[in-house]
Amino acid sequence: MLRLFTSACLVLALTSAPALAQTPASTPATEADVQTLLGDWTISGESQMGPFVVALKMAVAEGKPVATLSSEVQAPTEITDITKSGEDLVLTYWFDYEGNSIPSVLTITPKADKFDAYFSFADGAFEMGGVGEKAAAAAQ
């Protein structure tokens, strides 16, 4: 019986290892990781509820990456939980929607002078994707 249990555990470990190896470990993002993304960005795309536009400001404060997200329906939300997973940046935050605190994740995949953006709200209950582009400079 012990031999059967040991064999089953070994098979499980060996078959799980390739799947686990495909998911890069997350590490805290550094200033160098966000260097090309510093500044103001506009993320636009389509969702199940129609088109959307979100403003993203990436900065560094006290040597750590920080971000602010805002839109017509979302008040500015400060984000300090920024990690790197492979080439992706993962911004984890909560925002208030009609008195409810909604867990959210924005995954950014850099693509030359743009980035792919993928939002997941309420642990995947609602998701949407878009493209981030540098925001136009304000007229002086």
N, C-alpha and C. Protein backbone atom coordinates (compact mmCIF):
# COMPACT_ATOMS: atom_id res chain seq x y z
N MET A 1 0.82 -1.19 0.00
CA MET A 1 0.00 0.00 0.00
C MET A 1 0.87 1.26 0.00
N LEU A 2 1.93 1.26 0.83
CA LEU A 2 2.82 2.42 0.88
C LEU A 2 3.50 2.62 -0.47
N ARG A 3 3.84 1.52 -1.13
CA ARG A 3 4.49 1.61 -2.44
C ARG A 3 3.54 2.23 -3.47
N LEU A 4 2.29 1.86 -3.44
CA LEU A 4 1.29 2.41 -4.35
C LEU A 4 1.11 3.91 -4.10
N PHE A 5 1.03 4.29 -2.81
CA PHE A 5 0.89 5.70 -2.46
C PHE A 5 2.10 6.51 -2.93
N THR A 6 3.30 5.99 -2.70
CA THR A 6 4.53 6.67 -3.12
C THR A 6 4.57 6.82 -4.63
N SER A 7 4.18 5.76 -5.35
CA SER A 7 4.15 5.83 -6.82
C SER A 7 3.16 6.87 -7.31
N ALA A 8 2.00 6.92 -6.67
CA ALA A 8 0.98 7.90 -7.07
C ALA A 8 1.48 9.33 -6.84
N CYS A 9 2.15 9.55 -5.72
CA CYS A 9 2.70 10.88 -5.43
C CYS A 9 3.77 11.26 -6.44
N LEU A 10 4.62 10.31 -6.82
CA LEU A 10 5.66 10.58 -7.80
C LEU A 10 5.07 10.92 -9.16
N VAL A 11 4.05 10.17 -9.58
CA VAL A 11 3.39 10.45 -10.86
C VAL A 11 2.75 11.83 -10.83
N LEU A 12 2.09 12.16 -9.73
CA LEU A 12 1.47 13.48 -9.61
C LEU A 12 2.51 14.59 -9.68
N ALA A 13 3.62 14.41 -8.98
CA ALA A 13 4.68 15.42 -9.00
C ALA A 13 5.28 15.58 -10.39
N LEU A 14 5.52 14.49 -11.08
CA LEU A 14 6.13 14.56 -12.41
C LEU A 14 5.19 15.14 -13.46
N THR A 15 3.91 14.85 -13.35
CA THR A 15 2.97 15.38 -14.34
C THR A 15 2.61 16.82 -14.05
N SER A 16 2.72 17.26 -12.81
CA SER A 16 2.42 18.64 -12.45
C SER A 16 3.58 19.57 -12.75
N ALA A 17 4.79 19.08 -12.70
CA ALA A 17 5.98 19.93 -12.86
C ALA A 17 5.98 20.72 -14.15
N PRO A 18 5.67 20.12 -15.32
CA PRO A 18 5.69 20.93 -16.55
C PRO A 18 4.69 22.08 -16.51
N ALA A 19 3.51 21.86 -15.96
CA ALA A 19 2.51 22.93 -15.88
C ALA A 19 2.98 24.03 -14.95
N LEU A 20 3.56 23.65 -13.82
CA LEU A 20 4.04 24.65 -12.89
C LEU A 20 5.21 25.43 -13.47
N ALA A 21 6.03 24.78 -14.26
CA ALA A 21 7.21 25.44 -14.84
C ALA A 21 6.81 26.49 -15.88
N GLN A 22 5.60 26.37 -16.44
CA GLN A 22 5.17 27.31 -17.47
C GLN A 22 4.70 28.64 -16.89
N THR A 23 4.43 28.69 -15.60
CA THR A 23 3.97 29.92 -14.97
C THR A 23 5.15 30.59 -14.28
N PRO A 24 5.63 31.72 -14.84
CA PRO A 24 6.78 32.39 -14.22
C PRO A 24 6.42 32.88 -12.82
N ALA A 25 7.38 32.82 -11.93
CA ALA A 25 7.17 33.31 -10.58
C ALA A 25 7.07 34.84 -10.61
N SER A 26 6.23 35.36 -9.76
CA SER A 26 6.10 36.82 -9.64
C SER A 26 7.15 37.32 -8.66
N THR A 27 7.75 38.44 -9.01
CA THR A 27 8.69 39.11 -8.13
C THR A 27 8.31 40.58 -8.07
N PRO A 28 8.64 41.26 -6.99
CA PRO A 28 8.32 42.70 -6.95
C PRO A 28 8.97 43.42 -8.13
N ALA A 29 8.20 44.28 -8.77
CA ALA A 29 8.73 45.06 -9.90
C ALA A 29 9.72 46.10 -9.38
N THR A 30 10.70 46.39 -10.20
CA THR A 30 11.72 47.38 -9.85
C THR A 30 11.56 48.62 -10.73
N GLU A 31 12.29 49.64 -10.39
CA GLU A 31 12.29 50.85 -11.20
C GLU A 31 12.70 50.53 -12.64
N ALA A 32 13.68 49.67 -12.81
CA ALA A 32 14.14 49.29 -14.16
C ALA A 32 13.04 48.59 -14.94
N ASP A 33 12.19 47.80 -14.25
CA ASP A 33 11.11 47.07 -14.93
C ASP A 33 10.07 47.99 -15.54
N VAL A 34 9.88 49.17 -14.98
CA VAL A 34 8.84 50.09 -15.46
C VAL A 34 9.39 51.28 -16.22
N GLN A 35 10.69 51.34 -16.39
CA GLN A 35 11.35 52.51 -16.98
C GLN A 35 10.70 52.92 -18.31
N THR A 36 10.42 51.97 -19.20
CA THR A 36 9.84 52.32 -20.51
C THR A 36 8.35 52.66 -20.42
N LEU A 37 7.74 52.44 -19.27
CA LEU A 37 6.31 52.71 -19.12
C LEU A 37 6.01 53.95 -18.29
N LEU A 38 7.04 54.66 -17.84
CA LEU A 38 6.81 55.84 -17.02
C LEU A 38 6.05 56.91 -17.81
N GLY A 39 5.14 57.56 -17.14
CA GLY A 39 4.37 58.63 -17.77
C GLY A 39 2.89 58.29 -17.86
N ASP A 40 2.20 59.04 -18.70
CA ASP A 40 0.75 58.92 -18.85
C ASP A 40 0.40 58.08 -20.07
N TRP A 41 -0.54 57.16 -19.87
CA TRP A 41 -0.98 56.24 -20.91
C TRP A 41 -2.50 56.25 -21.00
N THR A 42 -3.00 55.92 -22.18
CA THR A 42 -4.43 55.73 -22.39
C THR A 42 -4.64 54.30 -22.82
N ILE A 43 -5.47 53.58 -22.06
CA ILE A 43 -5.80 52.20 -22.40
C ILE A 43 -7.20 52.20 -22.97
N SER A 44 -7.36 51.67 -24.18
CA SER A 44 -8.69 51.62 -24.79
C SER A 44 -8.94 50.23 -25.33
N GLY A 45 -10.20 49.87 -25.37
CA GLY A 45 -10.57 48.56 -25.87
C GLY A 45 -12.07 48.36 -25.87
N GLU A 46 -12.46 47.12 -26.05
CA GLU A 46 -13.87 46.73 -26.06
C GLU A 46 -14.11 45.75 -24.92
N SER A 47 -15.26 45.87 -24.30
CA SER A 47 -15.65 44.92 -23.26
C SER A 47 -17.06 44.42 -23.57
N GLN A 48 -17.56 43.56 -22.72
CA GLN A 48 -18.93 43.06 -22.89
C GLN A 48 -19.95 44.19 -22.76
N MET A 49 -19.52 45.30 -22.17
CA MET A 49 -20.41 46.44 -21.97
C MET A 49 -20.15 47.56 -22.97
N GLY A 50 -19.30 47.29 -23.96
CA GLY A 50 -18.99 48.30 -24.97
C GLY A 50 -17.57 48.82 -24.84
N PRO A 51 -17.28 49.92 -25.58
CA PRO A 51 -15.92 50.46 -25.56
C PRO A 51 -15.59 51.09 -24.20
N PHE A 52 -14.29 51.10 -23.88
CA PHE A 52 -13.85 51.72 -22.64
C PHE A 52 -12.53 52.45 -22.87
N VAL A 53 -12.27 53.45 -22.02
CA VAL A 53 -11.02 54.19 -22.02
C VAL A 53 -10.62 54.39 -20.55
N VAL A 54 -9.38 54.04 -20.25
CA VAL A 54 -8.86 54.16 -18.90
C VAL A 54 -7.53 54.92 -18.96
N ALA A 55 -7.31 55.82 -18.02
CA ALA A 55 -6.03 56.53 -17.93
C ALA A 55 -5.14 55.81 -16.93
N LEU A 56 -3.88 55.63 -17.30
CA LEU A 56 -2.88 55.00 -16.42
C LEU A 56 -1.68 55.92 -16.32
N LYS A 57 -1.27 56.21 -15.10
CA LYS A 57 -0.05 56.99 -14.88
C LYS A 57 0.92 56.07 -14.15
N MET A 58 2.09 55.82 -14.76
CA MET A 58 3.14 55.01 -14.14
C MET A 58 4.23 55.95 -13.65
N ALA A 59 4.69 55.72 -12.42
CA ALA A 59 5.74 56.56 -11.83
C ALA A 59 6.59 55.70 -10.89
N VAL A 60 7.57 56.33 -10.32
CA VAL A 60 8.41 55.71 -9.30
C VAL A 60 8.40 56.64 -8.10
N ALA A 61 8.10 56.10 -6.93
CA ALA A 61 8.11 56.88 -5.70
C ALA A 61 8.95 56.13 -4.67
N GLU A 62 9.91 56.82 -4.12
CA GLU A 62 10.80 56.23 -3.14
C GLU A 62 11.45 54.95 -3.66
N GLY A 63 11.79 54.96 -4.95
CA GLY A 63 12.49 53.83 -5.56
C GLY A 63 11.61 52.65 -5.96
N LYS A 64 10.28 52.78 -5.78
CA LYS A 64 9.37 51.68 -6.11
C LYS A 64 8.34 52.12 -7.15
N PRO A 65 7.99 51.22 -8.08
CA PRO A 65 6.96 51.55 -9.06
C PRO A 65 5.60 51.76 -8.39
N VAL A 66 4.90 52.77 -8.87
CA VAL A 66 3.53 53.06 -8.42
C VAL A 66 2.72 53.43 -9.65
N ALA A 67 1.42 53.30 -9.54
CA ALA A 67 0.55 53.64 -10.67
C ALA A 67 -0.73 54.25 -10.15
N THR A 68 -1.41 54.98 -11.03
CA THR A 68 -2.73 55.53 -10.75
C THR A 68 -3.60 55.22 -11.96
N LEU A 69 -4.76 54.60 -11.71
CA LEU A 69 -5.75 54.31 -12.75
C LEU A 69 -6.96 55.19 -12.53
N SER A 70 -7.56 55.67 -13.62
CA SER A 70 -8.80 56.44 -13.50
C SER A 70 -9.57 56.36 -14.82
N SER A 71 -10.85 56.62 -14.72
CA SER A 71 -11.71 56.66 -15.91
C SER A 71 -12.94 57.48 -15.57
N GLU A 72 -13.86 57.58 -16.51
CA GLU A 72 -15.11 58.32 -16.26
C GLU A 72 -15.92 57.68 -15.16
N VAL A 73 -15.80 56.36 -14.98
CA VAL A 73 -16.60 55.66 -13.97
C VAL A 73 -15.78 55.22 -12.76
N GLN A 74 -14.48 55.47 -12.77
CA GLN A 74 -13.62 55.06 -11.66
C GLN A 74 -12.79 56.24 -11.18
N ALA A 75 -12.94 56.55 -9.92
CA ALA A 75 -12.11 57.61 -9.33
C ALA A 75 -10.65 57.17 -9.36
N PRO A 76 -9.72 58.12 -9.32
CA PRO A 76 -8.30 57.72 -9.32
C PRO A 76 -8.01 56.70 -8.22
N THR A 77 -7.36 55.62 -8.63
CA THR A 77 -7.02 54.53 -7.72
C THR A 77 -5.51 54.36 -7.71
N GLU A 78 -4.91 54.51 -6.53
CA GLU A 78 -3.47 54.34 -6.39
C GLU A 78 -3.14 52.85 -6.33
N ILE A 79 -2.07 52.46 -7.02
CA ILE A 79 -1.64 51.06 -7.04
C ILE A 79 -0.18 50.99 -6.62
N THR A 80 0.08 50.23 -5.58
CA THR A 80 1.45 50.04 -5.11
C THR A 80 1.89 48.58 -5.19
N ASP A 81 0.94 47.66 -5.39
CA ASP A 81 1.26 46.23 -5.51
C ASP A 81 1.52 45.94 -6.98
N ILE A 82 2.77 46.08 -7.40
CA ILE A 82 3.17 45.88 -8.79
C ILE A 82 4.26 44.83 -8.82
N THR A 83 4.00 43.73 -9.52
CA THR A 83 4.97 42.65 -9.62
C THR A 83 5.30 42.39 -11.08
N LYS A 84 6.34 41.60 -11.27
CA LYS A 84 6.73 41.20 -12.61
C LYS A 84 6.62 39.68 -12.70
N SER A 85 5.98 39.20 -13.76
CA SER A 85 5.83 37.78 -14.01
C SER A 85 6.26 37.53 -15.45
N GLY A 86 7.44 36.97 -15.64
CA GLY A 86 7.98 36.86 -16.99
C GLY A 86 8.22 38.26 -17.52
N GLU A 87 7.66 38.58 -18.69
CA GLU A 87 7.78 39.93 -19.25
C GLU A 87 6.62 40.82 -18.85
N ASP A 88 5.61 40.26 -18.20
CA ASP A 88 4.41 41.01 -17.83
C ASP A 88 4.59 41.76 -16.52
N LEU A 89 3.93 42.91 -16.43
CA LEU A 89 3.77 43.60 -15.16
C LEU A 89 2.36 43.32 -14.67
N VAL A 90 2.23 43.03 -13.39
CA VAL A 90 0.93 42.69 -12.82
C VAL A 90 0.63 43.71 -11.72
N LEU A 91 -0.42 44.49 -11.94
CA LEU A 91 -0.84 45.53 -11.00
C LEU A 91 -2.08 45.04 -10.28
N THR A 92 -1.96 44.82 -8.98
CA THR A 92 -3.07 44.30 -8.19
C THR A 92 -3.61 45.42 -7.31
N TYR A 93 -4.93 45.61 -7.33
CA TYR A 93 -5.52 46.73 -6.60
C TYR A 93 -6.98 46.44 -6.28
N TRP A 94 -7.57 47.28 -5.48
CA TRP A 94 -9.00 47.25 -5.14
C TRP A 94 -9.56 48.61 -5.48
N PHE A 95 -10.79 48.63 -5.98
CA PHE A 95 -11.43 49.92 -6.17
C PHE A 95 -12.87 49.85 -5.68
N ASP A 96 -13.40 51.01 -5.36
CA ASP A 96 -14.75 51.09 -4.82
C ASP A 96 -15.75 51.25 -5.96
N TYR A 97 -16.74 50.39 -5.99
CA TYR A 97 -17.82 50.50 -6.97
C TYR A 97 -19.14 50.45 -6.21
N GLU A 98 -19.80 51.59 -6.12
CA GLU A 98 -21.08 51.71 -5.43
C GLU A 98 -21.02 51.14 -4.02
N GLY A 99 -19.94 51.46 -3.31
CA GLY A 99 -19.80 51.02 -1.94
C GLY A 99 -19.21 49.63 -1.75
N ASN A 100 -18.91 48.96 -2.86
CA ASN A 100 -18.32 47.63 -2.78
C ASN A 100 -16.85 47.69 -3.18
N SER A 101 -16.01 47.02 -2.42
CA SER A 101 -14.58 46.97 -2.73
C SER A 101 -14.33 45.79 -3.68
N ILE A 102 -13.87 46.09 -4.89
CA ILE A 102 -13.72 45.09 -5.95
C ILE A 102 -12.23 44.76 -6.14
N PRO A 103 -11.85 43.47 -5.94
CA PRO A 103 -10.46 43.09 -6.22
C PRO A 103 -10.22 43.09 -7.73
N SER A 104 -9.08 43.65 -8.14
CA SER A 104 -8.81 43.81 -9.56
C SER A 104 -7.35 43.56 -9.87
N VAL A 105 -7.10 43.12 -11.10
CA VAL A 105 -5.74 42.89 -11.57
C VAL A 105 -5.65 43.43 -12.99
N LEU A 106 -4.60 44.22 -13.23
CA LEU A 106 -4.29 44.70 -14.58
C LEU A 106 -2.95 44.09 -14.95
N THR A 107 -2.95 43.31 -16.03
CA THR A 107 -1.71 42.71 -16.53
C THR A 107 -1.29 43.46 -17.77
N ILE A 108 -0.05 43.93 -17.77
CA ILE A 108 0.50 44.71 -18.88
C ILE A 108 1.60 43.90 -19.55
N THR A 109 1.47 43.73 -20.86
CA THR A 109 2.49 43.06 -21.66
C THR A 109 3.08 44.07 -22.62
N PRO A 110 4.31 44.54 -22.36
CA PRO A 110 4.93 45.56 -23.23
C PRO A 110 5.09 45.07 -24.67
N LYS A 111 4.82 45.95 -25.62
CA LYS A 111 4.95 45.68 -27.06
C LYS A 111 5.51 46.93 -27.72
N ALA A 112 6.83 47.03 -27.81
CA ALA A 112 7.50 48.19 -28.41
C ALA A 112 7.03 49.48 -27.75
N ASP A 113 6.31 50.35 -28.49
CA ASP A 113 5.89 51.64 -27.93
C ASP A 113 4.45 51.60 -27.41
N LYS A 114 3.86 50.40 -27.30
CA LYS A 114 2.51 50.21 -26.78
C LYS A 114 2.56 49.08 -25.76
N PHE A 115 1.39 48.71 -25.24
CA PHE A 115 1.32 47.50 -24.43
C PHE A 115 -0.08 46.90 -24.52
N ASP A 116 -0.14 45.59 -24.37
CA ASP A 116 -1.42 44.91 -24.25
C ASP A 116 -1.84 45.00 -22.79
N ALA A 117 -3.11 45.27 -22.55
CA ALA A 117 -3.64 45.40 -21.20
C ALA A 117 -4.78 44.40 -21.02
N TYR A 118 -4.76 43.71 -19.90
CA TYR A 118 -5.81 42.74 -19.60
C TYR A 118 -6.28 42.97 -18.17
N PHE A 119 -7.56 43.32 -18.03
CA PHE A 119 -8.15 43.56 -16.72
C PHE A 119 -8.96 42.35 -16.28
N SER A 120 -8.85 42.02 -15.00
CA SER A 120 -9.67 40.97 -14.39
C SER A 120 -10.24 41.55 -13.10
N PHE A 121 -11.57 41.56 -13.01
CA PHE A 121 -12.24 42.12 -11.85
C PHE A 121 -12.97 41.02 -11.08
N ALA A 122 -13.02 41.16 -9.78
CA ALA A 122 -13.74 40.23 -8.90
C ALA A 122 -13.34 38.79 -9.19
N ASP A 123 -12.03 38.56 -9.17
CA ASP A 123 -11.48 37.21 -9.37
C ASP A 123 -11.96 36.56 -10.66
N GLY A 124 -12.02 37.34 -11.73
CA GLY A 124 -12.37 36.82 -13.05
C GLY A 124 -13.84 36.87 -13.41
N ALA A 125 -14.67 37.45 -12.54
CA ALA A 125 -16.10 37.55 -12.84
C ALA A 125 -16.36 38.43 -14.06
N PHE A 126 -15.49 39.43 -14.26
CA PHE A 126 -15.60 40.31 -15.43
C PHE A 126 -14.19 40.58 -15.92
N GLU A 127 -13.97 40.42 -17.22
CA GLU A 127 -12.64 40.63 -17.79
C GLU A 127 -12.75 41.43 -19.07
N MET A 128 -11.68 42.15 -19.38
CA MET A 128 -11.65 42.92 -20.63
C MET A 128 -10.20 43.19 -21.00
N GLY A 129 -9.97 43.34 -22.29
CA GLY A 129 -8.63 43.59 -22.78
C GLY A 129 -8.59 44.84 -23.63
N GLY A 130 -7.41 45.41 -23.73
CA GLY A 130 -7.24 46.62 -24.53
C GLY A 130 -5.80 46.84 -24.86
N VAL A 131 -5.52 48.02 -25.40
CA VAL A 131 -4.17 48.40 -25.80
C VAL A 131 -3.84 49.74 -25.14
N GLY A 132 -2.63 49.81 -24.59
CA GLY A 132 -2.17 51.05 -23.97
C GLY A 132 -1.26 51.81 -24.93
N GLU A 133 -1.53 53.11 -25.05
CA GLU A 133 -0.69 53.98 -25.88
C GLU A 133 -0.35 55.22 -25.07
N LYS A 134 0.83 55.79 -25.33
CA LYS A 134 1.24 57.01 -24.65
C LYS A 134 0.17 58.07 -24.84
N ALA A 135 -0.18 58.73 -23.76
CA ALA A 135 -1.19 59.79 -23.84
C ALA A 135 -0.58 61.00 -24.54
N ALA A 136 -1.40 61.69 -25.29
CA ALA A 136 -0.95 62.90 -25.98
C ALA A 136 -0.60 63.95 -24.94
N ALA A 137 0.44 64.70 -25.20
CA ALA A 137 0.85 65.77 -24.29
C ALA A 137 -0.24 66.84 -24.25
N ALA A 138 -0.49 67.38 -23.07
CA ALA A 138 -1.51 68.43 -22.91
C ALA A 138 -1.03 69.70 -23.61
N ALA A 139 -1.98 70.39 -24.22
CA ALA A 139 -1.65 71.66 -24.89
C ALA A 139 -1.28 72.70 -23.85
N GLN A 140 -0.28 73.51 -24.18
CA GLN A 140 0.18 74.52 -23.23
C GLN A 140 -0.34 75.87 -23.58
